Every structure is written in structure tokens, then in C-alpha cells.
Protein backbone atom coordinates (compact mmCIF):
# COMPACT_ATOMS: atom_id res chain seq x y z
CA UNK A 1 -42.26 10.42 -38.26
CA UNK A 2 -40.09 12.94 -40.09
CA UNK A 3 -39.41 14.81 -36.86
CA UNK A 4 -38.28 11.56 -35.22
CA UNK A 5 -36.00 10.86 -38.19
CA UNK A 6 -34.52 14.36 -38.05
CA UNK A 7 -34.03 14.08 -34.29
CA UNK A 8 -32.25 10.75 -34.69
CA UNK A 9 -30.05 12.15 -37.46
CA UNK A 10 -29.15 15.14 -35.30
CA UNK A 11 -28.27 12.83 -32.39
CA UNK A 12 -26.13 10.65 -34.65
CA UNK A 13 -24.31 13.71 -36.02
CA UNK A 14 -23.70 15.04 -32.53
CA UNK A 15 -22.52 11.61 -31.35
CA UNK A 16 -20.16 11.30 -34.32
CA UNK A 17 -18.59 14.68 -33.59
CA UNK A 18 -18.17 13.83 -29.90
CA UNK A 19 -16.75 10.39 -30.69
CA UNK A 20 -14.20 12.06 -32.96
CA UNK A 21 -13.17 14.37 -30.13
CA UNK A 22 -13.05 11.41 -27.74
CA UNK A 23 -10.86 9.48 -30.17
CA UNK A 24 -8.40 12.35 -30.66
CA UNK A 25 -8.20 13.17 -26.95
CA UNK A 26 -7.71 9.54 -25.91
CA UNK A 27 -5.05 9.16 -28.58
CA UNK A 28 -3.17 12.24 -27.38
CA UNK A 29 -3.54 11.60 -23.65
CA UNK A 30 -3.12 7.83 -23.41
CA UNK A 31 -2.00 6.64 -26.84
CA UNK A 32 -5.21 4.62 -27.02
CA UNK A 33 -6.64 4.11 -30.52
CA UNK A 34 -10.42 3.70 -30.69
CA UNK A 35 -12.81 2.63 -33.42
CA UNK A 36 -15.56 5.22 -33.82
CA UNK A 37 -17.66 3.12 -36.19
CA UNK A 38 -17.58 0.12 -33.87
CA UNK A 39 -18.41 2.35 -30.90
CA UNK A 40 -21.47 3.56 -32.80
CA UNK A 41 -22.87 0.05 -33.29
CA UNK A 42 -21.66 -1.94 -30.26
CA UNK A 43 -23.14 -0.87 -26.90
CA UNK A 44 -20.62 -2.91 -24.86
CA UNK A 45 -17.62 -1.31 -26.57
CA UNK A 46 -19.25 2.10 -26.27
CA UNK A 47 -19.81 1.63 -22.52
CA UNK A 48 -16.22 0.46 -22.06
CA UNK A 49 -14.76 3.56 -23.74
CA UNK A 50 -17.16 5.88 -21.92
CA UNK A 51 -16.15 4.37 -18.56
CA UNK A 52 -12.48 4.75 -19.44
CA UNK A 53 -13.05 8.39 -20.38
CA UNK A 54 -15.17 9.05 -17.26
CA UNK A 55 -12.45 7.86 -14.86
CA UNK A 56 -9.77 9.83 -16.69
CA UNK A 57 -8.30 12.84 -14.87
CA UNK A 58 -8.85 14.91 -18.04
CA UNK A 59 -11.94 17.11 -17.61
CA UNK A 60 -12.56 17.32 -21.35
CA UNK A 61 -12.75 13.52 -21.56
CA UNK A 62 -15.15 13.45 -18.62
CA UNK A 63 -17.42 16.03 -20.29
CA UNK A 64 -17.38 14.18 -23.61
CA UNK A 65 -18.13 10.92 -21.79
CA UNK A 66 -21.12 12.42 -19.98
CA UNK A 67 -22.55 13.86 -23.22
CA UNK A 68 -22.09 10.60 -25.12
CA UNK A 69 -23.58 8.64 -22.22
CA UNK A 70 -26.73 10.76 -22.52
CA UNK A 71 -26.83 10.49 -26.33
CA UNK A 72 -26.41 6.72 -26.40
CA UNK A 73 -27.88 5.47 -23.13
CA UNK A 74 -30.12 8.31 -21.95
CA UNK A 75 -33.91 8.08 -21.74
CA UNK A 76 -34.28 8.61 -25.50
CA UNK A 77 -30.75 7.47 -26.42
CA UNK A 78 -29.65 5.91 -29.67
CA UNK A 79 -29.09 2.48 -28.13
CA UNK A 80 -32.32 2.71 -26.10
CA UNK A 81 -34.60 3.67 -29.02
CA UNK A 82 -33.98 0.77 -31.29
CA UNK A 83 -31.75 -2.17 -31.81
CA UNK A 84 -28.40 -0.93 -33.12
CA UNK A 85 -27.42 -2.10 -36.56
CA UNK A 86 -25.24 -5.15 -36.83
CA UNK A 87 -21.73 -4.72 -38.25
CA UNK A 88 -21.65 -4.87 -42.03
CA UNK A 89 -19.74 -8.14 -42.14
CA UNK A 90 -22.33 -9.80 -39.91
CA UNK A 91 -25.19 -8.53 -42.07
CA UNK A 92 -23.49 -9.76 -45.23
CA UNK A 93 -22.84 -13.25 -43.89
CA UNK A 94 -26.42 -13.59 -42.62
CA UNK A 95 -27.96 -12.77 -46.00
CA UNK A 96 -25.33 -14.37 -48.19
CA UNK A 97 -26.26 -17.62 -49.87
CA UNK A 98 -23.46 -19.92 -50.95
CA UNK A 99 -22.91 -19.97 -54.72
CA UNK A 100 -24.37 -22.92 -56.60
CA UNK A 101 -22.03 -25.84 -57.08
CA UNK A 102 -20.07 -25.70 -60.32
CA UNK A 103 -20.53 -28.56 -62.79
CA UNK A 104 -17.65 -31.05 -62.83
CA UNK A 105 -14.78 -29.91 -64.99
CA UNK A 106 -14.36 -31.57 -68.36
CA UNK A 107 -10.86 -32.74 -69.26
CA UNK A 108 -9.04 -30.24 -71.43
CA UNK A 109 -8.17 -31.26 -74.98
CA UNK A 110 -4.56 -32.22 -75.48
CA UNK A 111 -2.45 -29.21 -76.39
CA UNK A 112 0.02 -29.45 -79.25
CA UNK A 113 3.62 -29.83 -78.16
CA UNK A 114 5.44 -26.52 -77.72
CA UNK A 115 8.52 -27.78 -79.53
CA UNK A 116 6.62 -28.75 -82.67
CA UNK A 117 7.85 -27.18 -85.89
CA UNK A 118 5.83 -24.42 -87.55
CA UNK A 119 2.76 -25.54 -89.42
CA UNK A 120 4.08 -24.24 -92.71
CA UNK A 121 4.41 -21.05 -94.75
CA UNK A 122 0.68 -20.31 -94.40
CA UNK A 123 0.98 -20.22 -90.56
CA UNK A 124 -0.37 -16.76 -89.51
CA UNK A 125 1.52 -16.79 -86.18
CA UNK A 126 5.10 -15.58 -86.28
CA UNK A 127 6.82 -18.24 -84.16
CA UNK A 128 9.88 -16.03 -83.67
CA UNK A 129 8.10 -13.98 -80.97
CA UNK A 130 6.70 -16.88 -78.99
CA UNK A 131 8.55 -17.51 -75.73
CA UNK A 132 10.53 -14.28 -75.54
CA UNK A 133 9.92 -10.63 -74.74
CA UNK A 134 9.65 -8.12 -77.53
């Protein structure tokens, strides 16, 4: 079990490094911006980028594509072994329960008029500062 976990972690690390190289090379060669995290979790997007890299005239892209193809879709590949994780937003919306309905709001008590004169000499609030900046 631990060996399988270590092997999977090593494959994921290797895939991440190669996807970073793929991203940088595609950006420099074609101006194409890729999403490494989405490539890691979506097999269709991963296949699309790997095909694009495989048909590229750049040999480095072709090599990276072949290595990633083996890591993700090979006999013991990351997408072949188990179901890839859903994107975080999808997982959150699946397990998120709507908040309970709030009780109906009670009417607010009537506020004293703003233009009312001070309450008297015992009023602790200095009315001179109200309504202006200090």
C-alpha cells in the first residue's frame, strides 16, 4: 500500500515537472497559455494538449508529450489507475448544503430624528462631532 502511494506520488511529481516544462515551451513557441492544474485533473484537456504538443515541430515538445502520455494514459497511468479528482469547485458544490432560511425580519424601531436638539446638559455625546470629519 505504501509503495503504491509512493509510486503515485513520484508519478505526480514527475508529471507536474513535465507539465511545467510543457507550459513554458508552449508559451514561448506558440504563445499558448495552458492550465497545469486543470490538465492534471481533466483527461480530455490533457489529451488535447498532448496531441497539440505531439504534432508540434519542436522535438522537446514531442518528447515531453510522449513522457506525459505514458505517465497519464500508460498501462499504469494516473488517469488509468483511478478516477481523477473532480475540480475543487465541483466538489464544493456537490457537498454544499444551502444555508437554513433566515427568520423574517422584524421592523426596526423608529429612529430619533437627526435634526432633533441635544437631549440636555447631561447628554454624554458631543453633538458637535456628529456629521463631520474630525
